[in-house]
Amino acid sequence: MIHVLGAFLAEASGGLRALVVTVATMTVLGNAFSLFENVLSQGLNEADSLSGAPGDVMCIDSNGNIVLAIEVKDRALTLSDVRSSTQKARALTDIE
C-alpha cells in the first residue's frame, strides 16, 4: 500500500495528488472517529490569504466551525513555510 501511495504521489501534479490524498485521509478519519462533519479544500492556485481560508484543507465540525486547517505541501517543508502558515492561521483566527 505504501508503495502504491508513493508511486501515486511521485507523479508530477502541481500538488493536486497530495491535496487529494490529504482530503481523502481526513474524510476517512473524520467519519471513522466522528471528528469532523465535513472536509473542504480550495483550489491549488488559490492563495489562502485571498480566500480567507486558514489552509488548503479545512475540517469542519457539525456547527460549521473549522476545527483543523491543513497546509498541503508536495515538497520539503521549510522553516519559512511554518512561519508563514502560523502567521496566517493566527491572523485568520485572532490568536495572539
Protein backbone atom coordinates (compact mmCIF):
# COMPACT_ATOMS: atom_id res chain seq x y z
CA MET A 1 0.00 0.00 0.00
CA ILE A 2 2.80 2.44 0.87
CA HIS A 3 4.48 1.71 -2.48
CA VAL A 4 1.25 2.44 -4.36
CA LEU A 5 0.77 5.71 -2.49
CA GLY A 6 4.42 6.64 -3.05
CA ALA A 7 4.12 5.95 -6.78
CA PHE A 8 0.90 7.96 -6.95
CA LEU A 9 2.47 10.94 -5.19
CA ALA A 10 5.69 10.70 -7.24
CA GLU A 11 3.85 11.69 -10.42
CA ALA A 12 4.06 15.44 -11.08
CA SER A 13 0.68 17.06 -10.44
CA GLY A 14 1.41 20.55 -9.19
CA GLY A 15 0.32 19.45 -5.72
CA LEU A 16 -3.08 18.09 -6.76
CA ARG A 17 -2.29 14.48 -5.85
CA ALA A 18 -1.04 15.42 -2.39
CA LEU A 19 -4.18 17.51 -1.86
CA VAL A 20 -6.45 14.64 -2.95
CA VAL A 21 -4.69 12.18 -0.62
CA THR A 22 -4.94 14.64 2.28
CA VAL A 23 -8.66 15.29 1.73
CA ALA A 24 -9.38 11.57 1.40
CA THR A 25 -7.38 10.72 4.53
CA MET A 26 -9.05 13.41 6.63
CA THR A 27 -12.50 12.42 5.34
CA VAL A 28 -11.96 8.79 6.31
CA LEU A 29 -10.55 9.72 9.74
CA GLY A 30 -13.31 12.25 10.36
CA ASN A 31 -16.03 9.73 9.51
CA ALA A 32 -14.43 6.78 11.31
CA PHE A 33 -13.92 8.65 14.60
CA SER A 34 -16.72 11.24 14.30
CA LEU A 35 -14.13 14.01 14.34
CA PHE A 36 -15.43 16.21 11.53
CA GLU A 37 -18.75 16.77 9.83
CA ASN A 38 -17.14 17.84 6.56
CA VAL A 39 -13.75 18.26 4.91
CA LEU A 40 -13.31 21.11 2.44
CA SER A 41 -10.45 22.11 0.19
CA GLN A 42 -9.76 25.03 -2.06
CA GLY A 43 -8.18 25.33 -5.48
CA LEU A 44 -4.47 24.67 -5.72
CA ASN A 45 -3.61 28.02 -7.22
CA GLU A 46 -5.85 29.98 -4.88
CA ALA A 47 -3.93 31.92 -2.25
CA ASP A 48 -5.21 31.10 1.25
CA SER A 49 -4.96 34.69 2.37
CA LEU A 50 -7.08 35.94 -0.54
CA SER A 51 -9.80 33.35 0.05
CA GLY A 52 -9.83 33.85 3.82
CA ALA A 53 -9.05 30.17 4.31
CA PRO A 54 -6.59 29.22 7.05
CA GLY A 55 -5.19 26.36 4.96
CA ASP A 56 -5.55 24.20 1.88
CA VAL A 57 -7.82 21.70 3.67
CA MET A 58 -10.32 22.61 6.37
CA CYS A 59 -12.03 20.11 8.66
CA ILE A 60 -15.44 21.40 9.77
CA ASP A 61 -17.46 20.38 12.85
CA SER A 62 -21.24 19.99 13.00
CA ASN A 63 -21.62 23.68 13.93
CA GLY A 64 -19.74 24.83 10.83
CA ASN A 65 -16.58 25.74 12.73
CA ILE A 66 -13.13 24.99 11.35
CA VAL A 67 -11.55 22.62 13.86
CA LEU A 68 -8.44 21.75 11.85
CA ALA A 69 -6.69 23.53 8.99
CA ILE A 70 -4.03 21.76 6.96
CA GLU A 71 -1.43 23.27 4.66
CA VAL A 72 -0.53 20.74 1.94
CA LYS A 73 2.99 20.74 0.51
CA ASP A 74 4.40 18.45 -2.16
CA ARG A 75 7.98 19.42 -1.40
CA ALA A 76 10.25 19.61 1.62
CA LEU A 77 8.87 21.83 4.37
CA THR A 78 10.98 24.85 5.30
CA LEU A 79 11.07 26.98 8.41
CA SER A 80 9.73 29.83 6.30
CA ASP A 81 6.70 27.68 5.37
CA VAL A 82 5.99 27.01 9.04
CA ARG A 83 6.32 30.67 9.99
CA SER A 84 4.10 31.80 7.12
CA SER A 85 1.39 29.24 7.90
CA THR A 86 1.48 30.05 11.61
CA GLN A 87 1.17 33.79 10.96
CA LYS A 88 -1.70 33.20 8.53
CA ALA A 89 -3.57 30.99 10.98
CA ARG A 90 -3.12 33.49 13.78
CA ALA A 91 -4.37 36.34 11.63
CA LEU A 92 -7.43 34.41 10.49
CA THR A 93 -8.35 33.15 13.96
CA ASP A 94 -7.35 36.17 16.05
CA ILE A 95 -4.89 34.10 18.12
CA GLU A 96 -2.24 36.16 19.84
